[in-house]
């Protein structure tokens, strides 16, 4: 089946017990182990013995996790209480004294996690301005264990060659982790291009309706899956049954939403690129030739997120205050268009001098295209910019 069909028919499209077309919500904390339960039995009997406590496993969560693994082409999927919880679990499989390689241009929450919590935990990292095989090899130390990348990156939409970077990591015996939030498995499948672990903020496009916090980790192998599960079960940052239902429901409409949203994003990018008050636009379809070629080789479309810089900081702040159709808000990937201000929102944890060095300027705005009519958005944005 094509991926658009797998979004609907993922093995959990019909409940085996009742025939229900919606995933049942098992809103329970614990499970009756049944009359055959014996304290001295190892392993326990099959069937209902699969579940004992919802932190360790829940049928509604299993449906989402199985679907996520299927869509990404992995062996195991795990659902977490937020995107940053998923990233923390992926990084948490490493030990104090280990070293990982990252990009400089990453989600501000990942930056904060690496530079606060994991720094205290003695997990070292090197942030690269550009991630490619040469820079990866140059950054490798004896204690290096992994490479962690986003592509496109947040918020400047930089493109990293997944296949080449993961190949360089694999040559050195490193684990490669890819944040696939912006593209989703509908447009980009990093595991098929050599990655070992994929992470998502399922709050964004997978959930798709700005009504749930969720994170997903999918692993290529069951061995890595066991390490992620140990983090999930041990720390307990699991996604509740009702939230699992919401994400599962959101996934079913991912294709129609993403098809429409990226068409709108492409029109918005072209509009901003022509506007007299816009200094730069960041979007895969408008990237330089090399970046565009890499992205088109590894992804099925440019996605629904773009960023732009106005010519002055005042214009950026005026835009956020005057737009009527885009909510000035944190997050992305919902059915409504969202205009984020990275220096005050997603990347506020990065010190101002570091943001400036990275190009995350006070005049930068990130747009997540929603399902509004593109002509209405352009008219509104033009008025806000003028």
Protein backbone atom coordinates (compact mmCIF):
# COMPACT_ATOMS: atom_id res chain seq x y z
CA UNK A 1 0.00 0.00 0.00
CA UNK A 2 1.03 3.58 -0.55
CA UNK A 3 1.76 5.61 2.55
CA UNK A 4 -1.47 7.59 2.28
CA UNK A 5 -3.38 4.32 2.56
CA UNK A 6 -1.23 3.10 5.46
CA UNK A 7 -2.23 6.19 7.40
CA UNK A 8 -5.74 4.69 7.51
CA UNK A 9 -5.12 0.93 7.24
CA UNK A 10 -2.29 0.39 9.69
CA UNK A 11 -3.40 -2.82 11.36
CA UNK A 12 -5.51 -1.00 13.95
CA UNK A 13 -8.14 0.43 11.61
CA UNK A 14 -10.72 -2.05 12.99
CA UNK A 15 -10.96 -3.15 16.61
CA UNK A 16 -10.61 -6.95 16.71
CA UNK A 17 -12.93 -7.32 19.70
CA UNK A 18 -15.88 -5.21 18.55
CA UNK A 19 -15.32 -4.20 14.92
CA UNK A 20 -15.20 -0.52 15.92
CA UNK A 21 -13.60 1.70 13.27
CA UNK A 22 -12.15 4.02 15.92
CA UNK A 23 -9.29 3.00 18.20
CA UNK A 24 -10.83 2.15 21.60
CA UNK A 25 -9.64 4.30 24.51
CA UNK A 26 -8.51 2.02 27.32
CA UNK A 27 -8.80 4.61 30.09
CA UNK A 28 -7.37 2.44 32.83
CA UNK A 29 -4.30 2.51 35.01
CA UNK A 30 -4.12 -1.21 35.71
CA UNK A 31 -5.32 -4.59 34.39
CA UNK A 32 -6.82 -7.72 35.91
CA UNK A 33 -4.24 -10.43 35.31
CA UNK A 34 -6.91 -13.16 35.13
CA UNK A 35 -7.63 -16.45 36.90
CA UNK A 36 -4.57 -18.17 35.44
CA UNK A 37 -2.14 -15.73 37.04
CA UNK A 38 0.48 -17.40 39.22
CA UNK A 39 3.11 -15.40 41.08
CA UNK A 40 5.78 -17.99 40.37
CA UNK A 41 5.11 -18.24 36.61
CA UNK A 42 7.95 -17.03 34.34
CA UNK A 43 7.17 -15.89 31.72
CA UNK A 44 3.50 -15.05 32.36
CA UNK A 45 0.77 -16.56 30.16
CA UNK A 46 0.01 -14.92 26.81
CA UNK A 47 -3.11 -12.94 25.90
CA UNK A 48 -4.43 -10.62 28.59
CA UNK A 49 -1.13 -11.02 30.44
CA UNK A 50 0.50 -8.63 27.97
CA UNK A 51 -0.66 -5.68 30.08
CA UNK A 52 -0.30 -5.10 33.79
CA UNK A 53 0.08 -1.33 34.34
CA UNK A 54 -0.50 1.45 31.84
CA UNK A 55 2.91 3.05 32.36
CA UNK A 56 4.43 -0.18 31.03
CA UNK A 57 1.90 -0.70 28.25
CA UNK A 58 -1.62 0.18 27.20
CA UNK A 59 -3.63 -1.13 24.20
CA UNK A 60 -4.50 2.39 22.98
CA UNK A 61 -0.86 3.43 23.17
CA UNK A 62 0.21 0.22 21.45
CA UNK A 63 -2.07 1.02 18.51
CA UNK A 64 -0.40 4.42 18.06
CA UNK A 65 3.11 3.08 18.59
CA UNK A 66 2.60 0.25 16.10
CA UNK A 67 1.20 2.67 13.50
CA UNK A 68 4.13 5.08 14.00
CA UNK A 69 6.66 2.28 13.52
CA UNK A 70 4.86 1.09 10.39
CA UNK A 71 4.76 4.58 8.87
CA UNK A 72 8.44 5.25 9.54
CA UNK A 73 9.49 1.77 8.42
CA UNK A 74 10.94 0.89 11.83
CA UNK A 75 10.78 -2.09 14.15
CA UNK A 76 9.44 -0.39 17.27
CA UNK A 77 7.58 2.78 18.18
CA UNK A 78 7.15 4.54 21.52
CA UNK A 79 4.75 7.33 22.49
CA UNK A 80 5.73 9.99 25.03
CA UNK A 81 3.99 12.80 26.87
CA UNK A 82 5.60 15.50 24.69
CA UNK A 83 8.07 15.95 21.86
CA UNK A 84 10.82 17.03 24.23
CA UNK A 85 10.17 13.94 26.38
CA UNK A 86 10.72 11.82 23.26
CA UNK A 87 13.99 13.63 22.50
CA UNK A 88 15.09 13.27 26.13
CA UNK A 89 14.46 9.52 25.96
CA UNK A 90 16.47 9.20 22.73
CA UNK A 91 19.39 11.09 24.29
CA UNK A 92 18.90 9.34 27.62
CA UNK A 93 20.15 6.01 26.28
CA UNK A 94 23.67 7.43 26.47
CA UNK A 95 25.84 7.64 29.58
CA UNK A 96 27.72 10.29 31.52
CA UNK A 97 30.98 10.99 29.72
CA UNK A 98 29.60 10.10 26.28
CA UNK A 99 29.78 12.64 23.46
CA UNK A 100 27.28 13.36 20.71
CA UNK A 101 27.43 15.54 17.60
CA UNK A 102 24.56 17.91 16.81
CA UNK A 103 23.79 20.80 14.50
CA UNK A 104 23.85 24.38 15.78
CA UNK A 105 20.52 25.19 14.17
CA UNK A 106 18.14 22.97 16.14
CA UNK A 107 14.90 23.39 18.06
CA UNK A 108 15.40 25.61 21.09
CA UNK A 109 13.99 22.95 23.42
CA UNK A 110 16.67 20.51 22.25
CA UNK A 111 19.31 23.20 22.76
CA UNK A 112 18.06 23.84 26.31
CA UNK A 113 17.94 20.11 27.09
CA UNK A 114 21.53 19.58 25.93
CA UNK A 115 22.89 22.67 27.66
CA UNK A 116 21.15 22.29 31.00
CA UNK A 117 19.87 18.85 32.00
CA UNK A 118 22.27 16.71 29.99
CA UNK A 119 25.17 19.04 30.67
CA UNK A 120 24.67 18.42 34.40
CA UNK A 121 24.45 14.74 33.51
CA UNK A 122 27.93 15.04 31.92
CA UNK A 123 26.73 14.19 28.41
CA UNK A 124 29.04 16.17 26.13
CA UNK A 125 28.10 17.52 22.71
CA UNK A 126 29.62 19.39 19.80
CA UNK A 127 27.34 21.65 17.74
CA UNK A 128 28.27 21.99 14.06
CA UNK A 129 27.40 24.93 11.83
CA UNK A 130 26.94 22.48 8.97
CA UNK A 131 26.43 18.73 9.35
CA UNK A 132 28.02 16.67 6.58
CA UNK A 133 30.36 13.65 6.43
CA UNK A 134 33.51 15.81 6.64
CA UNK A 135 32.37 17.86 9.66
CA UNK A 136 31.10 14.71 11.39
CA UNK A 137 34.44 12.91 10.94
CA UNK A 138 36.33 15.97 12.16
CA UNK A 139 34.18 16.20 15.31
CA UNK A 140 34.44 12.55 16.34
CA UNK A 141 36.17 11.85 19.64
CA UNK A 142 37.01 8.53 21.30
CA UNK A 143 33.86 8.88 23.43
CA UNK A 144 31.51 9.93 20.59
CA UNK A 145 28.38 7.78 20.48
CA UNK A 146 25.83 9.50 18.22
CA UNK A 147 24.92 12.15 15.66
CA UNK A 148 21.67 14.08 16.18
CA UNK A 149 20.25 16.17 13.32
CA UNK A 150 17.12 17.99 12.20
CA UNK A 151 16.33 18.41 8.54
CA UNK A 152 14.88 20.83 7.66
CA UNK A 153 16.18 22.57 10.76
CA UNK A 154 14.23 24.78 13.12
CA UNK A 155 13.90 27.73 12.49
CA UNK A 156 16.16 28.40 9.49
CA UNK A 157 15.13 25.36 7.43
CA UNK A 158 18.70 24.22 6.73
CA UNK A 159 18.95 20.93 4.87
CA UNK A 160 21.20 18.06 5.96
CA UNK A 161 21.94 15.09 3.70
CA UNK A 162 20.48 12.25 5.77
CA UNK A 163 21.97 9.39 3.77
CA UNK A 164 25.50 10.82 3.65
CA UNK A 165 25.51 11.91 7.30
CA UNK A 166 24.14 8.60 8.56
CA UNK A 167 26.67 6.71 6.44
CA UNK A 168 29.50 8.69 8.04
CA UNK A 169 28.04 7.96 11.46
CA UNK A 170 27.70 4.27 10.71
CA UNK A 171 31.33 4.07 9.49
CA UNK A 172 32.42 5.30 12.91
CA UNK A 173 30.06 3.01 14.80
CA UNK A 174 27.80 5.88 15.87
CA UNK A 175 24.04 5.92 16.33
CA UNK A 176 22.24 8.42 14.07
CA UNK A 177 19.14 10.23 15.37
CA UNK A 178 16.92 12.37 13.11
CA UNK A 179 14.19 14.77 14.22
CA UNK A 180 11.54 14.33 11.51
CA UNK A 181 8.88 16.64 12.99
CA UNK A 182 8.72 19.12 10.10
CA UNK A 183 8.47 16.53 7.32
CA UNK A 184 6.55 13.65 8.97
CA UNK A 185 6.86 10.11 7.56
CA UNK A 186 4.51 11.16 4.78
CA UNK A 187 7.23 13.30 3.19
CA UNK A 188 10.49 11.90 4.59
CA UNK A 189 11.52 8.53 6.03
CA UNK A 190 14.97 8.80 7.64
CA UNK A 191 15.20 5.13 8.69
CA UNK A 192 15.12 4.12 5.03
CA UNK A 193 18.03 6.49 4.43
CA UNK A 194 20.27 5.06 7.11
CA UNK A 195 19.10 6.61 10.40
CA UNK A 196 18.83 4.45 13.52
CA UNK A 197 16.29 6.49 15.51
CA UNK A 198 13.62 8.96 14.43
CA UNK A 199 11.95 11.40 16.84
CA UNK A 200 8.81 13.48 16.41
CA UNK A 201 6.95 16.12 18.29
CA UNK A 202 3.59 14.53 17.52
CA UNK A 203 2.06 17.69 18.97
CA UNK A 204 2.69 19.16 15.55
CA UNK A 205 1.63 17.64 12.21
CA UNK A 206 0.90 14.10 13.42
CA UNK A 207 -1.69 15.31 15.92
CA UNK A 208 -2.48 18.17 13.60
CA UNK A 209 -5.16 20.06 15.57
CA UNK A 210 -3.29 21.95 18.31
CA UNK A 211 -5.15 19.97 20.97
CA UNK A 212 -2.60 17.48 22.30
CA UNK A 213 1.00 17.27 23.53
CA UNK A 214 2.79 14.13 22.34
CA UNK A 215 6.13 12.72 21.24
CA UNK A 216 7.11 9.68 19.19
CA UNK A 217 10.34 7.68 18.94
CA UNK A 218 10.76 5.00 16.28
CA UNK A 219 13.82 2.73 16.18
CA UNK A 220 15.30 0.78 13.32
CA UNK A 221 16.17 -2.28 15.42
CA UNK A 222 14.55 -4.06 18.33
CA UNK A 223 17.79 -3.74 20.32
CA UNK A 224 17.57 0.05 20.17
CA UNK A 225 13.86 -0.25 20.83
CA UNK A 226 14.55 -2.09 24.07
CA UNK A 227 16.81 0.77 25.20
CA UNK A 228 14.15 3.36 24.40
CA UNK A 229 11.49 1.28 26.16
CA UNK A 230 13.67 1.11 29.27
CA UNK A 231 13.73 4.93 29.28
CA UNK A 232 9.99 5.17 28.64
CA UNK A 233 9.00 2.69 31.31
CA UNK A 234 11.65 3.78 33.81
CA UNK A 235 10.97 7.53 33.62
CA UNK A 236 7.24 7.18 33.04
CA UNK A 237 6.83 10.05 30.57
CA UNK A 238 4.20 8.06 28.67
CA UNK A 239 1.35 9.34 26.56
CA UNK A 240 -2.07 8.84 28.14
CA UNK A 241 -4.77 6.76 26.39
CA UNK A 242 -6.98 9.69 25.39
CA UNK A 243 -4.04 11.62 23.94
CA UNK A 244 -2.96 8.48 22.06
CA UNK A 245 -6.44 8.35 20.57
CA UNK A 246 -6.20 12.00 19.48
CA UNK A 247 -2.84 11.47 17.76
CA UNK A 248 -4.06 8.26 16.10
CA UNK A 249 -7.07 10.17 14.80
CA UNK A 250 -4.87 13.02 13.60
CA UNK A 251 -2.61 10.65 11.67
CA UNK A 252 -5.58 9.48 9.61
CA UNK A 253 -5.97 12.93 8.07
CA UNK A 254 -2.24 13.69 7.75
CA UNK A 255 -2.11 13.31 3.97
CA UNK A 256 -5.00 15.59 3.11
CA UNK A 257 -3.81 18.19 5.62
CA UNK A 258 -0.18 18.12 4.54
CA UNK A 259 -1.04 18.16 0.82
CA UNK A 260 -3.07 21.32 1.31
CA UNK A 261 -0.78 22.98 3.83
CA UNK A 262 2.40 22.65 1.82
CA UNK A 263 0.68 24.08 -1.26
CA UNK A 264 -0.27 27.09 0.81
CA UNK A 265 3.23 27.30 2.29
CA UNK A 266 4.75 27.35 -1.21
CA UNK A 267 2.50 30.25 -2.21
CA UNK A 268 3.31 32.13 0.99
CA UNK A 269 7.05 31.62 0.44
CA UNK A 270 6.77 33.09 -3.06
CA UNK A 271 4.72 36.01 -1.72
CA UNK A 272 7.25 36.82 1.00
CA UNK A 273 10.15 36.48 -1.47
CA UNK A 274 8.59 39.25 -3.62
CA UNK A 275 7.57 41.58 -0.80
CA UNK A 276 9.48 44.86 -0.47
CA UNK A 277 9.59 44.65 3.34
CA UNK A 278 11.03 41.11 3.45
CA UNK A 279 14.78 40.63 3.47
CA UNK A 280 15.07 36.81 3.25
CA UNK A 281 12.89 33.69 3.01
CA UNK A 282 13.83 30.23 4.30
CA UNK A 283 11.96 27.36 2.66
CA UNK A 284 13.27 24.16 1.02
CA UNK A 285 11.68 24.98 -2.35
CA UNK A 286 13.55 28.31 -2.39
CA UNK A 287 16.87 27.08 -0.99
CA UNK A 288 20.12 27.35 -2.93
CA UNK A 289 20.70 24.78 -5.64
CA UNK A 290 22.70 22.28 -3.56
CA UNK A 291 20.37 22.41 -0.54
CA UNK A 292 17.33 22.11 -2.79
CA UNK A 293 18.80 19.11 -4.62
CA UNK A 294 19.56 17.33 -1.36
CA UNK A 295 16.07 17.97 -0.01
CA UNK A 296 14.33 16.86 -3.18
CA UNK A 297 16.38 13.66 -3.17
CA UNK A 298 15.35 12.69 0.36
CA UNK A 299 11.88 14.20 0.76
CA UNK A 300 8.59 14.11 -1.14
CA UNK A 301 7.81 17.80 -0.78
CA UNK A 302 8.94 21.10 0.76
CA UNK A 303 6.66 20.86 3.79
CA UNK A 304 4.36 23.41 5.40
CA UNK A 305 6.81 25.46 7.49
CA UNK A 306 8.80 28.48 6.33
CA UNK A 307 10.58 31.41 7.94
CA UNK A 308 11.24 34.95 6.76
CA UNK A 309 13.13 38.01 7.93
CA UNK A 310 11.69 41.48 7.62
CA UNK A 311 14.01 44.36 6.81
CA UNK A 312 13.60 45.86 10.28
CA UNK A 313 12.74 44.51 13.72
CA UNK A 314 9.85 46.98 13.92
CA UNK A 315 8.29 45.44 10.79
CA UNK A 316 8.47 41.97 12.32
CA UNK A 317 6.79 43.07 15.54
CA UNK A 318 4.18 45.05 13.63
CA UNK A 319 3.42 41.98 11.51
CA UNK A 320 2.81 39.85 14.59
CA UNK A 321 0.57 42.49 16.10
CA UNK A 322 -1.45 43.23 12.98
CA UNK A 323 -2.05 39.87 11.30
CA UNK A 324 -5.64 38.77 11.79
CA UNK A 325 -5.52 35.25 10.37
CA UNK A 326 -2.26 33.91 11.83
CA UNK A 327 -2.13 33.36 15.57
CA UNK A 328 1.07 34.73 17.15
CA UNK A 329 1.75 31.56 19.08
CA UNK A 330 4.16 28.80 20.00
CA UNK A 331 4.04 25.50 18.07
CA UNK A 332 3.18 24.54 14.50
CA UNK A 333 1.45 21.89 12.42
CA UNK A 334 -2.16 22.66 13.35
CA UNK A 335 -5.08 23.34 11.04
CA UNK A 336 -4.73 27.06 11.80
CA UNK A 337 -1.85 29.17 10.49
CA UNK A 338 0.59 30.06 13.27
CA UNK A 339 3.16 32.86 13.22
CA UNK A 340 5.92 32.22 15.74
CA UNK A 341 8.57 34.63 16.94
CA UNK A 342 11.57 32.38 17.65
CA UNK A 343 13.57 34.87 19.74
CA UNK A 344 10.69 35.09 22.24
CA UNK A 345 9.22 31.62 21.80
CA UNK A 346 10.85 28.42 20.51
CA UNK A 347 14.46 29.69 20.80
CA UNK A 348 14.18 32.05 23.76
CA UNK A 349 16.44 29.71 25.80
CA UNK A 350 19.38 30.47 23.49
CA UNK A 351 21.39 33.51 24.67
CA UNK A 352 20.90 36.56 22.42
CA UNK A 353 24.53 36.74 21.17
CA UNK A 354 24.37 33.06 20.22
CA UNK A 355 21.03 33.55 18.43
CA UNK A 356 22.48 36.44 16.44
CA UNK A 357 25.51 34.37 15.48
CA UNK A 358 23.24 31.56 14.27
CA UNK A 359 21.09 33.95 12.22
CA UNK A 360 18.05 33.73 14.50
CA UNK A 361 17.48 37.46 14.40
CA UNK A 362 14.87 39.64 16.10
CA UNK A 363 13.40 40.20 12.62
CA UNK A 364 12.81 36.45 12.03
CA UNK A 365 9.27 35.03 11.92
CA UNK A 366 8.37 31.37 11.43
CA UNK A 367 5.12 30.50 9.66
CA UNK A 368 3.28 27.19 9.89
CA UNK A 369 0.72 27.17 7.09
CA UNK A 370 -2.74 26.05 8.08
CA UNK A 371 -5.86 25.17 6.11
CA UNK A 372 -7.14 28.70 5.48
CA UNK A 373 -7.52 29.88 1.89
CA UNK A 374 -4.10 30.97 0.63
CA UNK A 375 -5.51 34.12 -1.00
CA UNK A 376 -6.97 35.25 2.33
CA UNK A 377 -3.66 34.66 4.10
CA UNK A 378 -1.70 36.58 1.47
CA UNK A 379 -4.09 39.53 1.65
CA UNK A 380 -3.87 39.57 5.44
CA UNK A 381 -0.07 39.21 5.48
CA UNK A 382 0.37 41.95 2.89
CA UNK A 383 -1.68 44.35 5.01
CA UNK A 384 0.23 43.38 8.15
CA UNK A 385 3.58 43.94 6.46
CA UNK A 386 2.54 47.29 4.99
